[in-house]
Amino acid sequence: MHPSIKLLPHAISELMAQVSTTRKITLADRYGLMAAILDDSLEEEDRFSIDRLLRALRRGRLQIVDEISSLLFSGGG
């Protein structure tokens, strides 16, 4: 039995916004994309967004990085 994969609501749109800003696809982004592609209930709009992202990657507009996240955290305190 395979574990079920369930994406968070708006996960793809959040991913698209982040990648559009940073121009980087992180390790966490790649796992998120893998989960999205394996989700049989993915909406057509999300599939279209993933296709756009993959085209941008193929054309060299995005960079693949081995960072976990592209978010910057400020050390408080």
C-alpha atoms as a PDB file:
ATOM      1  CA  MET A   1       0.000   0.000   0.000  1.00  0.00           C
ATOM      2  CA  HIS A   2       1.347   3.411  -0.996  1.00  0.00           C
ATOM      3  CA  PRO A   3       1.070   6.388   1.342  1.00  0.00           C
ATOM      4  CA  SER A   4      -1.394   8.972   0.093  1.00  0.00           C
ATOM      5  CA  ILE A   5      -0.070  12.346  -0.923  1.00  0.00           C
ATOM      6  CA  LYS A   6      -2.201  15.379  -0.169  1.00  0.00           C
ATOM      7  CA  LEU A   7      -1.044  18.864  -1.066  1.00  0.00           C
ATOM      8  CA  LEU A   8      -1.765  21.858   1.087  1.00  0.00           C
ATOM      9  CA  PRO A   9      -4.337  24.231  -0.385  1.00  0.00           C
ATOM     10  CA  HIS A  10      -2.685  26.855  -2.602  1.00  0.00           C
ATOM     11  CA  ALA A  11       0.669  25.030  -2.422  1.00  0.00           C
ATOM     12  CA  ILE A  12       1.338  25.366  -6.145  1.00  0.00           C
ATOM     13  CA  SER A  13       0.429  29.059  -6.295  1.00  0.00           C
ATOM     14  CA  GLU A  14       2.678  29.736  -3.285  1.00  0.00           C
ATOM     15  CA  LEU A  15       5.490  27.796  -4.932  1.00  0.00           C
ATOM     16  CA  MET A  16       5.046  29.744  -8.160  1.00  0.00           C
ATOM     17  CA  ALA A  17       5.135  33.074  -6.303  1.00  0.00           C
ATOM     18  CA  GLN A  18       8.294  32.116  -4.434  1.00  0.00           C
ATOM     19  CA  VAL A  19      10.104  30.798  -7.502  1.00  0.00           C
ATOM     20  CA  SER A  20       9.080  33.872  -9.508  1.00  0.00           C
ATOM     21  CA  THR A  21      10.675  36.074  -6.870  1.00  0.00           C
ATOM     22  CA  THR A  22      13.864  34.123  -6.188  1.00  0.00           C
ATOM     23  CA  ARG A  23      14.388  32.549  -9.628  1.00  0.00           C
ATOM     24  CA  LYS A  24      15.572  29.445  -7.753  1.00  0.00           C
ATOM     25  CA  ILE A  25      14.097  25.992  -7.271  1.00  0.00           C
ATOM     26  CA  THR A  26      15.173  24.554  -3.926  1.00  0.00           C
ATOM     27  CA  LEU A  27      15.228  20.998  -2.661  1.00  0.00           C
ATOM     28  CA  ALA A  28      11.934  21.573  -0.837  1.00  0.00           C
ATOM     29  CA  ASP A  29      10.426  22.993  -4.041  1.00  0.00           C
ATOM     30  CA  ARG A  30      11.466  19.894  -5.959  1.00  0.00           C
ATOM     31  CA  TYR A  31       9.864  17.599  -3.387  1.00  0.00           C
ATOM     32  CA  GLY A  32       6.724  19.731  -3.533  1.00  0.00           C
ATOM     33  CA  LEU A  33       6.643  19.450  -7.312  1.00  0.00           C
ATOM     34  CA  MET A  34       7.125  15.705  -7.116  1.00  0.00           C
ATOM     35  CA  ALA A  35       4.219  15.404  -4.697  1.00  0.00           C
ATOM     36  CA  ALA A  36       2.060  17.600  -6.915  1.00  0.00           C
ATOM     37  CA  ILE A  37       2.807  15.579 -10.029  1.00  0.00           C
ATOM     38  CA  LEU A  38       1.888  12.370  -8.187  1.00  0.00           C
ATOM     39  CA  ASP A  39      -1.420  13.863  -6.973  1.00  0.00           C
ATOM     40  CA  ASP A  40      -4.188  12.448  -9.161  1.00  0.00           C
ATOM     41  CA  SER A  41      -6.629  15.116  -7.999  1.00  0.00           C
ATOM     42  CA  LEU A  42      -4.467  18.069  -9.046  1.00  0.00           C
ATOM     43  CA  GLU A  43      -6.531  20.783 -10.700  1.00  0.00           C
ATOM     44  CA  GLU A  44      -5.927  21.740 -14.317  1.00  0.00           C
ATOM     45  CA  GLU A  45      -4.793  25.247 -13.352  1.00  0.00           C
ATOM     46  CA  ASP A  46      -2.109  23.789 -11.059  1.00  0.00           C
ATOM     47  CA  ARG A  47      -0.941  21.406 -13.787  1.00  0.00           C
ATOM     48  CA  PHE A  48      -0.678  24.379 -16.153  1.00  0.00           C
ATOM     49  CA  SER A  49       1.395  26.258 -13.558  1.00  0.00           C
ATOM     50  CA  ILE A  50       3.749  23.306 -13.133  1.00  0.00           C
ATOM     51  CA  ASP A  51       4.176  23.101 -16.911  1.00  0.00           C
ATOM     52  CA  ARG A  52       5.071  26.821 -17.021  1.00  0.00           C
ATOM     53  CA  LEU A  53       7.602  26.338 -14.255  1.00  0.00           C
ATOM     54  CA  LEU A  54       9.216  23.376 -16.010  1.00  0.00           C
ATOM     55  CA  ARG A  55       9.406  25.319 -19.296  1.00  0.00           C
ATOM     56  CA  ALA A  56      11.109  28.221 -17.515  1.00  0.00           C
ATOM     57  CA  LEU A  57      13.570  25.786 -15.978  1.00  0.00           C
ATOM     58  CA  ARG A  58      14.305  24.155 -19.327  1.00  0.00           C
ATOM     59  CA  ARG A  59      14.912  27.569 -20.916  1.00  0.00           C
ATOM     60  CA  GLY A  60      17.425  28.495 -18.227  1.00  0.00           C
ATOM     61  CA  ARG A  61      15.294  31.160 -16.544  1.00  0.00           C
ATOM     62  CA  LEU A  62      15.444  29.344 -13.213  1.00  0.00           C
ATOM     63  CA  GLN A  63      18.337  27.925 -11.234  1.00  0.00           C
ATOM     64  CA  ILE A  64      18.262  24.623  -9.352  1.00  0.00           C
ATOM     65  CA  VAL A  65      19.931  24.980  -5.947  1.00  0.00           C
ATOM     66  CA  ASP A  66      20.699  22.426  -3.241  1.00  0.00           C
ATOM     67  CA  GLU A  67      19.405  24.689  -0.484  1.00  0.00           C
ATOM     68  CA  ILE A  68      16.488  23.430   1.580  1.00  0.00           C
ATOM     69  CA  SER A  69      14.655  26.733   1.322  1.00  0.00           C
ATOM     70  CA  SER A  70      15.196  30.118  -0.264  1.00  0.00           C
ATOM     71  CA  LEU A  71      13.445  31.872   2.611  1.00  0.00           C
ATOM     72  CA  LEU A  72      15.639  34.041   4.780  1.00  0.00           C
ATOM     73  CA  PHE A  73      15.160  33.726   8.514  1.00  0.00           C
ATOM     74  CA  SER A  74      16.247  36.483  10.845  1.00  0.00           C
ATOM     75  CA  GLY A  75      17.711  35.378  14.121  1.00  0.00           C
ATOM     76  CA  GLY A  76      15.611  36.990  16.814  1.00  0.00           C
ATOM     77  CA  GLY A  77      17.117  37.773  20.147  1.00  0.00           C
END
